Amino acid sequence: MTTGIISGTDRLIPSPSGYRIPDSIQTDAAVNPGNSGGPLMSLDGAVLGVVNSKQGDNIAFGISAALTRRVVPKLIDTGTYDHAYMGVSLENVTPSIAEANGMHDSRGQLVVQTIRGGPADGMLRPSSIRSVNGTRIPVGGDVILEIEGTAMDTFEDLAGYLALETRPEDSIQVTVLRDGAEQTVDLTLTARPERSQSPLR
């Protein structure tokens, strides 16, 4: 018997498309083959999420109820759902990345790469890899600090925001740190490509 403890929220879990599913729930509830698609429920009967996968002993994941409520009605209605897409590859700003980029605080998401033709192409500046004290570190790109006033402290923050708060064709205001100064960039999202070959959002 397991205790059914929620041991993590706002997790990213893999999907067959190559993208990761944001806003997911980690639990130690027993999950077995055939359980996928069933509800993950609280003690008072509220549906917290939809069981998705088991990852080792006593670790299972569910897609959050919030994301399920957005996606499932569209799937029932049309058979497809278009996720919002920025077309960027990001890296958390660690203390070493902050120091190499002249930042006082370790915050935000450093733009490592932009996809040619994607929403961020030409709008956000990607970094380049340099050797700093013998370590290869991304340097010089924009650091995403906020989207529409919401702090983007982690990659999970950004992935969750795109999944739960935006849709393709939405125009969003992205606050970035560029050349040591904060500025706002307007970005129009598109529909996410069907498959990903890299951890791009």
Protein backbone atom coordinates (compact mmCIF):
# COMPACT_ATOMS: atom_id res chain seq x y z
CA MET A 1 0.00 0.00 0.00
CA THR A 2 1.30 3.48 -0.88
CA THR A 3 0.46 6.72 0.88
CA GLY A 4 -0.45 8.72 -2.21
CA ILE A 5 1.70 11.70 -1.26
CA ILE A 6 2.16 14.50 -3.78
CA SER A 7 5.94 14.78 -3.76
CA GLY A 8 6.33 17.39 -6.49
CA THR A 9 4.39 19.90 -8.59
CA ASP A 10 5.17 21.93 -11.70
CA ARG A 11 7.28 19.08 -13.03
CA LEU A 12 8.23 18.47 -16.67
CA ILE A 13 7.64 14.96 -18.01
CA PRO A 14 8.56 13.51 -21.43
CA SER A 15 6.04 12.92 -24.20
CA PRO A 16 6.18 10.94 -27.48
CA SER A 17 6.42 14.20 -29.48
CA GLY A 18 9.79 15.03 -27.94
CA TYR A 19 8.41 18.00 -26.02
CA ARG A 20 8.01 17.88 -22.27
CA ILE A 21 4.62 18.23 -20.60
CA PRO A 22 4.64 21.11 -18.10
CA ASP A 23 2.71 21.69 -14.87
CA SER A 24 2.76 17.97 -14.05
CA ILE A 25 2.27 16.35 -10.65
CA GLN A 26 4.62 13.81 -9.03
CA THR A 27 3.17 11.28 -6.59
CA ASP A 28 4.04 8.02 -4.87
CA ALA A 29 0.57 6.59 -5.58
CA ALA A 30 0.72 3.11 -7.12
CA VAL A 31 0.52 3.35 -10.93
CA ASN A 32 0.43 0.24 -13.09
CA PRO A 33 -0.07 -0.52 -16.80
CA GLY A 34 -3.61 0.43 -17.74
CA ASN A 35 -3.88 3.22 -15.17
CA SER A 36 -2.99 5.99 -17.63
CA GLY A 37 -5.94 8.27 -18.25
CA GLY A 38 -7.45 7.66 -14.83
CA PRO A 39 -7.91 10.46 -12.30
CA LEU A 40 -5.41 11.44 -9.64
CA MET A 41 -7.69 12.56 -6.81
CA SER A 42 -7.38 14.36 -3.48
CA LEU A 43 -8.86 13.01 -0.24
CA ASP A 44 -11.90 15.26 -0.66
CA GLY A 45 -12.63 13.92 -4.12
CA ALA A 46 -11.22 16.73 -6.27
CA VAL A 47 -9.49 15.67 -9.50
CA LEU A 48 -5.93 16.97 -9.33
CA GLY A 49 -4.71 15.46 -12.57
CA VAL A 50 -4.78 12.64 -15.08
CA VAL A 51 -2.42 9.71 -14.54
CA ASN A 52 0.22 9.70 -17.26
CA SER A 53 3.20 7.49 -16.44
CA LYS A 54 5.24 5.57 -13.90
CA GLN A 55 8.92 6.41 -13.52
CA GLY A 56 10.56 3.85 -11.27
CA ASP A 57 9.51 2.56 -7.86
CA ASN A 58 7.06 4.77 -5.98
CA ILE A 59 7.28 7.63 -8.49
CA ALA A 60 4.43 8.38 -10.87
CA PHE A 61 3.25 11.44 -12.76
CA GLY A 62 -0.04 12.98 -13.72
CA ILE A 63 -0.94 15.77 -16.14
CA SER A 64 -2.43 18.61 -14.10
CA ALA A 65 -6.17 19.22 -14.08
CA ALA A 66 -5.54 22.80 -15.24
CA LEU A 67 -3.74 21.66 -18.40
CA THR A 68 -6.24 18.86 -18.99
CA ARG A 69 -9.15 21.33 -18.87
CA ARG A 70 -7.49 23.39 -21.60
CA VAL A 71 -6.54 20.56 -23.93
CA VAL A 72 -9.22 17.85 -23.70
CA PRO A 73 -12.30 19.89 -24.82
CA LYS A 74 -10.44 20.94 -27.97
CA LEU A 75 -9.37 17.35 -28.64
CA ILE A 76 -12.96 16.17 -28.28
CA ASP A 77 -14.22 18.96 -30.55
CA THR A 78 -11.63 18.90 -33.34
CA GLY A 79 -9.21 16.05 -32.64
CA THR A 80 -6.22 18.40 -32.34
CA TYR A 81 -4.80 20.99 -29.98
CA ASP A 82 -2.27 23.67 -30.92
CA HIS A 83 0.23 24.53 -28.19
CA ALA A 84 1.82 27.99 -28.07
CA TYR A 85 5.46 28.13 -29.18
CA MET A 86 8.30 30.64 -28.76
CA GLY A 87 11.02 28.78 -30.64
CA VAL A 88 13.81 29.15 -28.10
CA SER A 89 16.21 26.93 -26.21
CA LEU A 90 16.87 28.16 -22.68
CA GLU A 91 19.14 27.56 -19.72
CA ASN A 92 18.60 28.51 -16.09
CA VAL A 93 20.89 31.34 -15.03
CA THR A 94 23.18 29.68 -12.50
CA PRO A 95 25.69 31.61 -10.35
CA SER A 96 28.49 30.80 -12.82
CA ILE A 97 26.41 31.93 -15.82
CA ALA A 98 25.39 35.09 -13.95
CA GLU A 99 29.03 35.90 -13.17
CA ALA A 100 30.15 35.26 -16.76
CA ASN A 101 27.39 37.56 -18.03
CA GLY A 102 28.03 40.36 -15.54
CA MET A 103 24.76 39.80 -13.66
CA HIS A 104 24.45 40.54 -9.95
CA ASP A 105 21.70 37.94 -9.38
CA SER A 106 21.12 34.38 -10.58
CA ARG A 107 17.67 34.85 -12.09
CA GLY A 108 15.85 34.30 -15.33
CA GLN A 109 16.32 32.14 -18.41
CA LEU A 110 19.26 32.68 -20.73
CA VAL A 111 18.41 32.37 -24.43
CA VAL A 112 20.83 29.77 -25.78
CA GLN A 113 19.34 29.36 -29.26
CA THR A 114 16.49 30.62 -31.42
CA ILE A 115 14.89 28.59 -34.20
CA ARG A 116 15.16 30.10 -37.66
CA GLY A 117 11.76 31.38 -38.74
CA GLY A 118 10.31 30.92 -35.26
CA PRO A 119 8.65 33.65 -33.17
CA ALA A 120 11.87 34.51 -31.29
CA ASP A 121 14.06 34.62 -34.42
CA GLY A 122 15.31 38.19 -34.81
CA MET A 123 13.43 39.28 -31.69
CA LEU A 124 15.50 37.66 -28.94
CA ARG A 125 19.29 37.46 -28.97
CA PRO A 126 20.86 34.01 -28.54
CA SER A 127 24.08 33.53 -26.61
CA SER A 128 27.39 32.13 -27.78
CA ILE A 129 29.54 29.54 -26.03
CA ARG A 130 32.82 30.78 -24.57
CA SER A 131 35.46 29.28 -22.33
CA VAL A 132 35.44 30.96 -18.93
CA ASN A 133 38.09 29.69 -16.50
CA GLY A 134 38.28 26.47 -18.50
CA THR A 135 34.51 25.91 -18.51
CA ARG A 136 32.28 26.32 -21.56
CA ILE A 137 29.52 28.79 -20.63
CA PRO A 138 26.82 30.52 -22.72
CA VAL A 139 27.51 34.25 -22.79
CA GLY A 140 25.94 37.35 -24.30
CA GLY A 141 22.34 36.36 -25.00
CA ASP A 142 19.12 37.86 -23.72
CA VAL A 143 17.96 36.75 -20.28
CA ILE A 144 14.19 36.34 -20.05
CA LEU A 145 13.11 37.81 -16.70
CA GLU A 146 9.33 38.12 -17.07
CA ILE A 147 6.44 37.42 -19.41
CA GLU A 148 3.51 39.79 -19.03
CA GLY A 149 4.80 40.75 -15.58
CA THR A 150 5.15 37.15 -14.33
CA ALA A 151 8.65 36.18 -13.19
CA MET A 152 10.36 33.43 -15.19
CA ASP A 153 12.76 32.13 -12.54
CA THR A 154 12.87 28.56 -13.89
CA PHE A 155 12.32 26.73 -17.15
CA GLU A 156 9.25 25.17 -15.51
CA ASP A 157 7.84 28.66 -14.92
CA LEU A 158 8.12 29.53 -18.60
CA ALA A 159 6.85 26.20 -19.91
CA GLY A 160 3.90 26.29 -17.52
CA TYR A 161 3.03 29.88 -18.42
CA LEU A 162 3.01 29.15 -22.15
CA ALA A 163 0.89 26.02 -21.66
CA LEU A 164 -1.69 27.50 -19.27
CA GLU A 165 -1.86 31.21 -20.12
CA THR A 166 -1.24 31.57 -23.85
CA ARG A 167 -2.38 30.33 -27.24
CA PRO A 168 -0.93 30.52 -30.77
CA GLU A 169 -1.24 34.00 -32.29
CA ASP A 170 -1.15 35.65 -28.85
CA SER A 171 1.17 38.63 -28.58
CA ILE A 172 3.13 38.65 -25.33
CA GLN A 173 5.44 41.18 -23.69
CA VAL A 174 8.76 39.61 -22.72
CA THR A 175 10.99 41.50 -20.31
CA VAL A 176 14.63 40.69 -21.00
CA LEU A 177 18.00 41.73 -19.68
CA ARG A 178 20.01 42.83 -22.73
CA ASP A 179 23.44 44.44 -22.55
CA GLY A 180 22.96 45.05 -18.83
CA ALA A 181 19.63 46.86 -19.14
CA GLU A 182 16.03 45.65 -18.92
CA GLN A 183 13.79 46.14 -21.93
CA THR A 184 10.50 44.78 -23.22
CA VAL A 185 10.15 42.82 -26.45
CA ASP A 186 6.79 42.12 -28.11
CA LEU A 187 6.61 38.54 -29.37
CA THR A 188 3.82 36.86 -31.34
CA LEU A 189 3.52 33.15 -30.58
CA THR A 190 2.83 30.48 -33.20
CA ALA A 191 1.55 26.91 -33.09
CA ARG A 192 4.17 24.44 -31.91
CA PRO A 193 5.59 22.07 -34.55
CA GLU A 194 4.39 18.48 -34.20
CA ARG A 195 7.75 17.08 -33.11
CA SER A 196 10.77 18.47 -31.32
CA GLN A 197 14.37 17.46 -31.88
CA SER A 198 15.62 19.59 -28.96
CA PRO A 199 14.27 21.07 -25.70
CA LEU A 200 12.77 24.10 -27.39
CA ARG A 201 9.76 26.08 -26.25
